[in-house]
Amino acid sequence: MLDLRYELIEGRVDVPRVGSVIELKTIPWHAVVDAEGTVVAPVVPYLRGLMLDDNRPATAKSYAHDLLRWHRLLWFLGIGWDRATEAEASVLVGWLRIAPNPQRRRRNPATPQPGSVNSRTGKSYLRAGYAPSTINHCLTVVSGFYAYHRHYNRGPLVNPVPDSRQQRRALAHRTPDGEVPNFRRARLRQRERRSDPRSIPDGMWDEFFGALTCERDRAAVLLYVSSGSRASELLGVTPGYINWPKQLIWVVTKGTDDREPVPVSPQALTVLAVYLDHIGLPPTDEPVFRTRRGDDRPLTYWAMRRVIQRVNDKLGTNWTLHDLRHTAATRMANDPNLTLAQVRAILRHTDLATTGRYLSARVEDLFDALQQHYSRPRVERTVAPGYDPEDFKAVFGG
């Protein structure tokens, strides 16, 4: 058993991809099943509790996949879920640090290496393995799973995922507007590098927009960049939720069931009108963005993502669909005619500090200023007529 643990941590073996996450028609909406298709019973009440705590179905689905990953490891090691210890949590982290992420698999050998930097955009390609944030999220889910069962006296008394007492103490009592104190990470938690959001510079925007091939894609991209909507939010907009005179669209904000108004540019609505005039207006309760091939159906996130990938293949870039929201946020936050509070309301950020992250200068946008700086001649100090240069050297130094 000890050798198997070391082999997992060192990447010499991989955990079999057995079991799956299935959809249910009752709460919870998802469940974890093993290799025989049997529902993993301890996971069901935990996911049901998430739904009763007013979490979104997508959140419960994400938690289900993390718990499937954890149970796959336990099945491979032959350990029951209620006998897991910190040793198994350590193996989980070691395995995820080494194991390849199936979603990052490259089928084309000519694609750039994972983790390399695109010379045109300055953005790094995703690494082949699991990101530190993914590992930390998995640890959080597993810890919450055992805390839930310990609360009802159904699980082990000791949580297999270690926590940080310093963090609990630091966050226990503080004012909401106070500074977040520093504390050490708990054991097994990965260091997450917080980088600035990357947006499409103005100098590269024209070629990006020019690489789009149809009015549907142009309308979608212009709406993304002018409204700052998230990918799924915009794709859910129906004809009944477009206010043409006031130049507003109503989107279902992430994490809620409520529709909120978001302003869009006149140019975006003009292109959208051309697109709808070409395909015909869909029913009132159907999304306005539709597929172009096959049966008429709503455009999915993955199809819109593929639109951006085709542009990247043409331009040699690696922009993502979410970079369009970053582009909108960067333009708004750096517009002197808009306050940060107004930008926060448009982007629907919960915290003003999140909006403030877009108030940062980028090297790509400073090209012209830097060229002037480099070409500016060095300033030579001179002495006014009537003064002895040697006296200045004696007083101020040579």
Protein backbone atom coordinates (compact mmCIF):
# COMPACT_ATOMS: atom_id res chain seq x y z
CA MET A 1 0.00 0.00 0.00
CA LEU A 2 2.83 2.39 0.87
CA ASP A 3 4.52 1.76 -2.47
CA LEU A 4 1.25 2.48 -4.30
CA ARG A 5 0.95 5.82 -2.51
CA TYR A 6 4.49 6.78 -3.50
CA GLU A 7 3.87 5.71 -7.09
CA LEU A 8 0.81 8.00 -7.25
CA ILE A 9 2.68 10.96 -5.78
CA GLU A 10 5.63 10.41 -8.14
CA GLY A 11 3.37 10.04 -11.20
CA ARG A 12 4.33 6.43 -11.98
CA VAL A 13 0.70 5.26 -11.88
CA ASP A 14 -2.60 6.99 -12.46
CA VAL A 15 -5.96 6.60 -10.77
CA PRO A 16 -8.44 4.70 -12.99
CA ARG A 17 -11.22 6.90 -14.35
CA VAL A 18 -14.09 4.80 -13.01
CA GLY A 19 -17.48 6.06 -11.94
CA SER A 20 -19.17 9.25 -13.13
CA VAL A 21 -21.45 12.12 -12.20
CA ILE A 22 -25.04 11.60 -13.33
CA GLU A 23 -28.04 13.91 -13.49
CA LEU A 24 -31.12 13.28 -11.35
CA LYS A 25 -34.67 14.55 -11.66
CA THR A 26 -34.97 15.31 -7.95
CA ILE A 27 -32.96 17.30 -5.43
CA PRO A 28 -29.99 16.98 -5.53
CA TRP A 29 -29.83 17.33 -9.30
CA HIS A 30 -26.56 15.36 -9.52
CA ALA A 31 -25.08 12.25 -7.92
CA VAL A 32 -21.83 10.28 -7.95
CA VAL A 33 -21.93 6.64 -9.07
CA ASP A 34 -19.21 3.98 -8.90
CA ALA A 35 -17.94 1.65 -11.61
CA GLU A 36 -21.07 -0.55 -11.31
CA GLY A 37 -23.41 2.41 -11.62
CA THR A 38 -24.37 2.37 -7.93
CA VAL A 39 -25.02 5.74 -6.34
CA VAL A 40 -22.45 6.66 -3.68
CA ALA A 41 -24.87 7.14 -0.78
CA PRO A 42 -22.85 9.50 1.50
CA VAL A 43 -22.54 12.07 -1.31
CA VAL A 44 -26.31 12.43 -1.83
CA PRO A 45 -27.24 14.16 1.48
CA TYR A 46 -24.22 16.46 1.21
CA LEU A 47 -25.20 17.66 -2.27
CA ARG A 48 -28.81 17.97 -1.14
CA GLY A 49 -27.63 20.17 1.71
CA LEU A 50 -25.83 22.41 -0.78
CA MET A 51 -29.05 22.89 -2.71
CA LEU A 52 -31.03 23.63 0.47
CA ASP A 53 -28.41 26.23 1.36
CA ASP A 54 -29.41 28.05 -1.87
CA ASN A 55 -26.35 27.08 -3.91
CA ARG A 56 -26.69 26.91 -7.68
CA PRO A 57 -27.07 23.57 -9.54
CA ALA A 58 -23.81 24.29 -11.35
CA THR A 59 -22.07 24.61 -7.98
CA ALA A 60 -23.44 21.26 -6.82
CA LYS A 61 -22.32 19.68 -10.09
CA SER A 62 -18.81 21.06 -9.62
CA TYR A 63 -18.70 19.70 -6.06
CA ALA A 64 -19.91 16.32 -7.31
CA HIS A 65 -16.98 16.09 -9.74
CA ASP A 66 -14.51 16.92 -6.94
CA LEU A 67 -16.03 14.22 -4.74
CA LEU A 68 -15.87 11.76 -7.64
CA ARG A 69 -12.14 12.53 -7.94
CA TRP A 70 -11.72 11.87 -4.19
CA HIS A 71 -13.70 8.61 -4.24
CA ARG A 72 -11.76 7.37 -7.28
CA LEU A 73 -8.59 7.69 -5.23
CA LEU A 74 -10.13 5.89 -2.25
CA TRP A 75 -11.44 3.08 -4.48
CA PHE A 76 -8.00 2.68 -6.02
CA LEU A 77 -6.37 2.51 -2.58
CA GLY A 78 -9.07 0.19 -1.22
CA ILE A 79 -10.04 2.52 1.64
CA GLY A 80 -13.58 3.31 2.78
CA TRP A 81 -14.61 6.95 2.79
CA ASP A 82 -15.11 6.91 6.57
CA ARG A 83 -11.59 5.57 7.20
CA ALA A 84 -9.72 8.19 5.19
CA THR A 85 -6.99 10.16 6.97
CA GLU A 86 -4.65 13.02 6.23
CA ALA A 87 -2.37 10.51 4.51
CA GLU A 88 -4.97 10.00 1.78
CA ALA A 89 -5.44 13.76 1.43
CA SER A 90 -1.67 14.08 0.93
CA VAL A 91 -1.79 11.43 -1.79
CA LEU A 92 -4.67 13.30 -3.45
CA VAL A 93 -2.61 16.49 -3.64
CA GLY A 94 0.52 14.67 -4.79
CA TRP A 95 -1.41 12.84 -7.50
CA LEU A 96 -3.16 15.98 -8.78
CA ARG A 97 0.14 17.89 -8.90
CA ILE A 98 1.55 15.30 -11.30
CA ALA A 99 -1.45 13.83 -13.14
CA PRO A 100 -2.38 15.23 -16.59
CA ASN A 101 -5.71 17.00 -16.80
CA PRO A 102 -7.88 15.18 -19.41
CA GLN A 103 -9.51 18.49 -20.40
CA ARG A 104 -6.09 19.87 -21.41
CA ARG A 105 -5.25 17.01 -23.76
CA ARG A 106 -3.83 18.21 -27.09
CA ARG A 107 -4.77 16.18 -30.13
CA ASN A 108 -2.83 18.31 -32.60
CA PRO A 109 0.94 17.87 -32.17
CA ALA A 110 1.55 21.27 -33.76
CA THR A 111 -0.20 23.16 -30.95
CA PRO A 112 2.00 25.20 -28.59
CA GLN A 113 3.44 23.48 -25.55
CA PRO A 114 1.35 23.71 -22.34
CA GLY A 115 2.56 26.50 -20.10
CA SER A 116 4.37 28.36 -22.91
CA VAL A 117 3.78 32.07 -23.57
CA ASN A 118 2.15 33.35 -26.74
CA SER A 119 4.48 35.95 -28.24
CA ARG A 120 1.63 38.03 -29.67
CA THR A 121 -0.67 38.25 -26.65
CA GLY A 122 1.79 37.75 -23.80
CA LYS A 123 -0.62 35.22 -22.29
CA SER A 124 0.46 31.80 -21.08
CA TYR A 125 -1.22 28.67 -22.40
CA LEU A 126 -2.83 26.47 -19.78
CA ARG A 127 -0.55 23.91 -18.20
CA ALA A 128 -1.08 20.22 -18.85
CA GLY A 129 -1.88 19.37 -15.22
CA TYR A 130 -4.36 20.58 -12.64
CA ALA A 131 -4.09 24.23 -11.63
CA PRO A 132 -3.32 25.09 -7.97
CA SER A 133 -6.79 26.66 -7.67
CA THR A 134 -8.35 23.37 -8.82
CA ILE A 135 -6.42 21.41 -6.20
CA ASN A 136 -7.40 23.87 -3.47
CA HIS A 137 -11.04 23.74 -4.57
CA CYS A 138 -10.98 19.96 -4.38
CA LEU A 139 -9.54 20.11 -0.85
CA THR A 140 -12.23 22.58 0.17
CA VAL A 141 -14.99 20.32 -1.15
CA VAL A 142 -13.59 17.21 0.54
CA SER A 143 -13.17 19.13 3.80
CA GLY A 144 -16.76 20.38 3.63
CA PHE A 145 -17.99 16.86 2.86
CA TYR A 146 -16.41 15.45 6.03
CA ALA A 147 -17.41 18.46 8.14
CA TYR A 148 -21.04 17.91 7.05
CA HIS A 149 -21.04 14.25 8.06
CA ARG A 150 -19.17 14.93 11.31
CA HIS A 151 -21.87 17.48 12.18
CA TYR A 152 -24.46 14.69 11.94
CA ASN A 153 -22.18 12.10 13.62
CA ARG A 154 -21.98 10.03 10.44
CA GLY A 155 -18.30 10.37 9.58
CA PRO A 156 -14.86 10.22 11.18
CA LEU A 157 -14.15 12.55 14.09
CA VAL A 158 -11.02 13.92 12.42
CA ASN A 159 -11.29 15.67 9.06
CA PRO A 160 -8.72 14.20 6.65
CA VAL A 161 -8.06 17.67 5.17
CA PRO A 162 -5.97 19.82 7.55
CA ASP A 163 -7.10 23.37 8.18
CA SER A 164 -5.38 26.55 9.33
CA ARG A 165 -6.16 27.67 12.87
CA GLN A 166 -4.44 30.99 12.14
CA GLN A 167 -6.85 31.59 9.27
CA ARG A 168 -9.89 30.79 11.40
CA ARG A 169 -8.66 33.11 14.14
CA ALA A 170 -7.77 35.90 11.71
CA LEU A 171 -11.14 35.87 9.94
CA ALA A 172 -13.29 35.20 13.02
CA HIS A 173 -13.69 38.82 14.14
CA ARG A 174 -12.97 41.72 11.83
CA THR A 175 -14.86 44.67 10.41
CA PRO A 176 -16.21 44.20 6.86
CA ASP A 177 -14.23 47.18 5.55
CA GLY A 178 -11.10 46.26 7.49
CA GLU A 179 -7.92 44.96 5.97
CA VAL A 180 -7.73 41.18 5.55
CA PRO A 181 -4.90 40.01 7.83
CA ASN A 182 -2.13 37.77 6.58
CA PHE A 183 -2.04 34.16 7.67
CA ARG A 184 -0.19 31.02 6.75
CA ARG A 185 -1.71 28.58 4.31
CA ALA A 186 -2.98 25.34 5.78
CA ARG A 187 -1.02 22.20 5.06
CA LEU A 188 -1.45 20.80 1.52
CA ARG A 189 -2.92 24.08 0.23
CA GLN A 190 -1.25 25.24 -2.96
CA ARG A 191 0.14 28.70 -3.59
CA GLU A 192 -2.08 30.54 -6.07
CA ARG A 193 -0.50 33.27 -8.15
CA ARG A 194 -2.87 36.19 -8.56
CA SER A 195 -2.22 37.75 -11.95
CA ASP A 196 -3.80 40.82 -13.50
CA PRO A 197 -6.70 40.22 -15.92
CA ARG A 198 -5.60 40.13 -19.56
CA SER A 199 -7.65 42.03 -22.12
CA ILE A 200 -7.32 42.58 -25.86
CA PRO A 201 -5.28 45.77 -26.44
CA ASP A 202 -6.76 48.42 -28.69
CA GLY A 203 -3.95 47.85 -31.20
CA MET A 204 -4.98 44.22 -31.66
CA TRP A 205 -8.74 44.69 -31.47
CA ASP A 206 -9.26 45.58 -35.13
CA GLU A 207 -7.57 42.44 -36.43
CA PHE A 208 -9.45 40.31 -33.91
CA PHE A 209 -12.80 41.76 -34.95
CA GLY A 210 -11.85 41.55 -38.63
CA ALA A 211 -11.17 37.81 -38.31
CA LEU A 212 -14.84 37.11 -37.48
CA THR A 213 -16.66 35.66 -40.45
CA CYS A 214 -20.40 36.28 -39.93
CA GLU A 215 -22.84 38.81 -38.48
CA ARG A 216 -23.82 36.47 -35.63
CA ASP A 217 -20.25 36.29 -34.34
CA ARG A 218 -19.69 40.04 -34.80
CA ALA A 219 -22.91 40.85 -32.94
CA ALA A 220 -22.02 38.50 -30.08
CA VAL A 221 -18.47 39.86 -29.70
CA LEU A 222 -19.63 43.48 -29.79
CA LEU A 223 -22.26 42.75 -27.16
CA TYR A 224 -19.68 41.04 -24.97
CA VAL A 225 -17.23 43.92 -25.21
CA SER A 226 -19.77 46.71 -24.76
CA SER A 227 -21.76 45.10 -21.93
CA GLY A 228 -19.12 43.09 -20.09
CA SER A 229 -21.55 40.17 -19.83
CA ARG A 230 -20.29 36.71 -19.01
CA ALA A 231 -20.41 34.09 -21.74
CA SER A 232 -23.44 32.14 -20.51
CA GLU A 233 -25.30 35.31 -19.51
CA LEU A 234 -25.30 36.75 -23.02
CA LEU A 235 -26.11 33.44 -24.72
CA GLY A 236 -29.31 33.26 -22.66
CA VAL A 237 -30.71 36.61 -23.87
CA THR A 238 -34.08 36.27 -25.62
CA PRO A 239 -35.91 38.78 -27.89
CA GLY A 240 -38.20 39.79 -25.04
CA TYR A 241 -35.24 40.94 -22.96
CA ILE A 242 -33.76 43.41 -25.45
CA ASN A 243 -34.78 47.03 -24.95
CA TRP A 244 -33.88 48.61 -28.28
CA PRO A 245 -34.85 52.26 -27.51
CA LYS A 246 -32.95 52.35 -24.19
CA GLN A 247 -30.06 50.22 -25.51
CA LEU A 248 -30.32 47.63 -22.73
CA ILE A 249 -30.27 43.86 -22.52
CA TRP A 250 -31.51 41.87 -19.53
CA VAL A 251 -29.29 38.98 -18.43
CA VAL A 252 -29.52 36.40 -15.66
CA THR A 253 -26.56 37.27 -13.44
CA LYS A 254 -24.24 34.47 -12.45
CA GLY A 255 -25.30 32.84 -9.18
CA THR A 256 -28.86 34.19 -9.24
CA ASP A 257 -32.21 33.69 -10.95
CA ASP A 258 -32.75 37.42 -11.37
CA ARG A 259 -32.49 39.30 -14.63
CA GLU A 260 -30.65 42.60 -14.48
CA PRO A 261 -30.36 45.37 -17.09
CA VAL A 262 -26.98 45.89 -18.76
CA PRO A 263 -26.24 48.75 -21.19
CA VAL A 264 -24.83 47.93 -24.63
CA SER A 265 -23.39 50.04 -27.44
CA PRO A 266 -25.44 51.31 -30.42
CA GLN A 267 -22.97 49.60 -32.77
CA ALA A 268 -23.60 46.23 -31.12
CA LEU A 269 -27.37 46.62 -31.44
CA THR A 270 -27.03 47.66 -35.08
CA VAL A 271 -25.08 44.52 -35.97
CA LEU A 272 -27.49 42.43 -33.88
CA ALA A 273 -30.41 43.88 -35.84
CA VAL A 274 -28.73 42.97 -39.14
CA TYR A 275 -28.19 39.42 -37.87
CA LEU A 276 -31.79 39.01 -36.68
CA ASP A 277 -33.10 40.48 -39.93
CA HIS A 278 -31.17 37.79 -41.77
CA ILE A 279 -32.25 34.76 -39.70
CA GLY A 280 -35.67 35.99 -38.59
CA LEU A 281 -36.68 36.80 -35.02
CA PRO A 282 -36.76 33.68 -32.79
CA PRO A 283 -39.72 33.03 -30.46
CA THR A 284 -39.94 35.34 -27.45
CA ASP A 285 -38.66 32.71 -24.99
CA GLU A 286 -35.83 31.41 -27.22
CA PRO A 287 -32.23 32.77 -27.18
CA VAL A 288 -31.43 35.12 -30.05
CA PHE A 289 -28.09 33.50 -30.91
CA ARG A 290 -28.65 30.32 -32.96
CA THR A 291 -26.55 27.70 -34.67
CA ARG A 292 -25.80 28.17 -38.36
CA ARG A 293 -25.65 24.51 -39.39
CA GLY A 294 -27.98 21.59 -38.80
CA ASP A 295 -31.23 21.92 -36.90
CA ASP A 296 -32.12 25.33 -35.53
CA ARG A 297 -31.11 25.40 -31.85
CA PRO A 298 -29.60 27.84 -29.35
CA LEU A 299 -25.89 28.57 -29.60
CA THR A 300 -24.05 26.84 -26.75
CA TYR A 301 -21.07 28.02 -24.73
CA TRP A 302 -18.82 25.44 -26.38
CA ALA A 303 -19.87 26.56 -29.86
CA MET A 304 -19.14 30.20 -29.00
CA ARG A 305 -15.82 29.13 -27.53
CA ARG A 306 -15.01 27.43 -30.81
CA VAL A 307 -15.66 30.74 -32.62
CA ILE A 308 -12.85 32.34 -30.59
CA GLN A 309 -10.59 29.34 -31.20
CA ARG A 310 -10.99 29.73 -34.96
CA VAL A 311 -9.96 33.38 -34.68
CA ASN A 312 -6.92 32.32 -32.64
CA ASP A 313 -5.93 29.75 -35.26
CA LYS A 314 -6.10 32.45 -37.93
CA LEU A 315 -4.16 35.12 -35.98
CA GLY A 316 -1.76 32.97 -33.96
CA THR A 317 -3.18 34.27 -30.66
CA ASN A 318 -4.64 32.63 -27.57
CA TRP A 319 -7.50 34.89 -26.51
CA THR A 320 -10.35 33.30 -24.57
CA LEU A 321 -14.06 34.00 -24.45
CA HIS A 322 -13.73 35.47 -20.94
CA ASP A 323 -11.06 37.90 -22.20
CA LEU A 324 -13.90 39.77 -23.88
CA ARG A 325 -15.34 40.56 -20.44
CA HIS A 326 -11.85 41.57 -19.27
CA THR A 327 -11.58 43.86 -22.30
CA ALA A 328 -14.88 45.56 -21.47
CA ALA A 329 -13.91 45.96 -17.81
CA THR A 330 -10.49 47.41 -18.65
CA ARG A 331 -11.95 49.94 -21.09
CA MET A 332 -14.63 51.07 -18.65
CA ALA A 333 -12.39 51.21 -15.57
CA ASN A 334 -9.83 53.39 -17.38
CA ASP A 335 -12.42 55.74 -18.89
CA PRO A 336 -12.16 59.11 -17.07
CA ASN A 337 -15.87 59.71 -17.65
CA LEU A 338 -16.89 56.65 -15.61
CA THR A 339 -16.42 56.21 -11.88
CA LEU A 340 -15.32 52.90 -10.42
CA ALA A 341 -18.69 52.55 -8.68
CA GLN A 342 -20.48 52.92 -12.02
CA VAL A 343 -18.25 50.29 -13.64
CA ARG A 344 -18.91 47.95 -10.71
CA ALA A 345 -22.67 48.33 -11.23
CA ILE A 346 -22.37 47.57 -14.96
CA LEU A 347 -20.16 44.52 -14.42
CA ARG A 348 -22.23 43.42 -11.40
CA HIS A 349 -19.22 42.75 -9.21
CA THR A 350 -19.96 41.96 -5.58
CA ASP A 351 -16.80 43.66 -4.30
CA LEU A 352 -15.45 47.01 -5.46
CA ALA A 353 -11.92 45.64 -5.07
CA THR A 354 -12.63 43.21 -7.90
CA THR A 355 -13.42 46.12 -10.22
CA GLY A 356 -10.30 47.93 -9.03
CA ARG A 357 -8.11 45.15 -10.41
CA TYR A 358 -8.72 46.57 -13.89
CA LEU A 359 -7.08 49.89 -12.99
CA SER A 360 -3.63 48.67 -13.95
CA ALA A 361 -1.28 49.78 -16.69
CA ARG A 362 -0.05 47.11 -19.11
CA VAL A 363 3.19 47.05 -21.05
CA GLU A 364 1.27 46.36 -24.27
CA ASP A 365 -0.67 49.63 -23.91
CA LEU A 366 2.46 51.64 -23.08
CA PHE A 367 4.34 50.89 -26.30
CA ASP A 368 4.17 54.42 -27.74
CA ALA A 369 5.03 56.05 -24.42
CA LEU A 370 7.98 53.73 -23.92
CA GLN A 371 9.30 54.40 -27.42
CA GLN A 372 9.30 58.13 -26.67
CA HIS A 373 11.02 57.44 -23.37
CA TYR A 374 13.76 55.37 -25.00
CA SER A 375 14.37 57.87 -27.79
CA ARG A 376 14.39 60.94 -25.56
CA PRO A 377 17.94 62.35 -25.27
CA ARG A 378 19.60 62.32 -21.90
CA VAL A 379 19.17 65.59 -20.02
CA GLU A 380 22.49 67.35 -19.55
CA ARG A 381 22.72 69.63 -16.54
CA THR A 382 23.93 73.16 -17.29
CA VAL A 383 24.98 76.07 -15.11
CA ALA A 384 23.41 79.48 -15.58
CA PRO A 385 25.72 82.21 -16.86
CA GLY A 386 27.60 84.02 -14.08
CA TYR A 387 28.08 80.94 -11.87
CA ASP A 388 31.24 78.90 -11.58
CA PRO A 389 30.63 75.21 -12.48
CA GLU A 390 33.30 74.17 -9.96
CA ASP A 391 31.31 75.80 -7.15
CA PHE A 392 28.24 73.77 -8.14
CA LYS A 393 30.28 70.56 -8.07
CA ALA A 394 31.59 71.41 -4.62
CA VAL A 395 28.08 72.06 -3.26
CA PHE A 396 25.94 69.49 -5.12
CA GLY A 397 28.54 66.90 -6.11
CA GLY A 398 29.97 66.03 -9.50
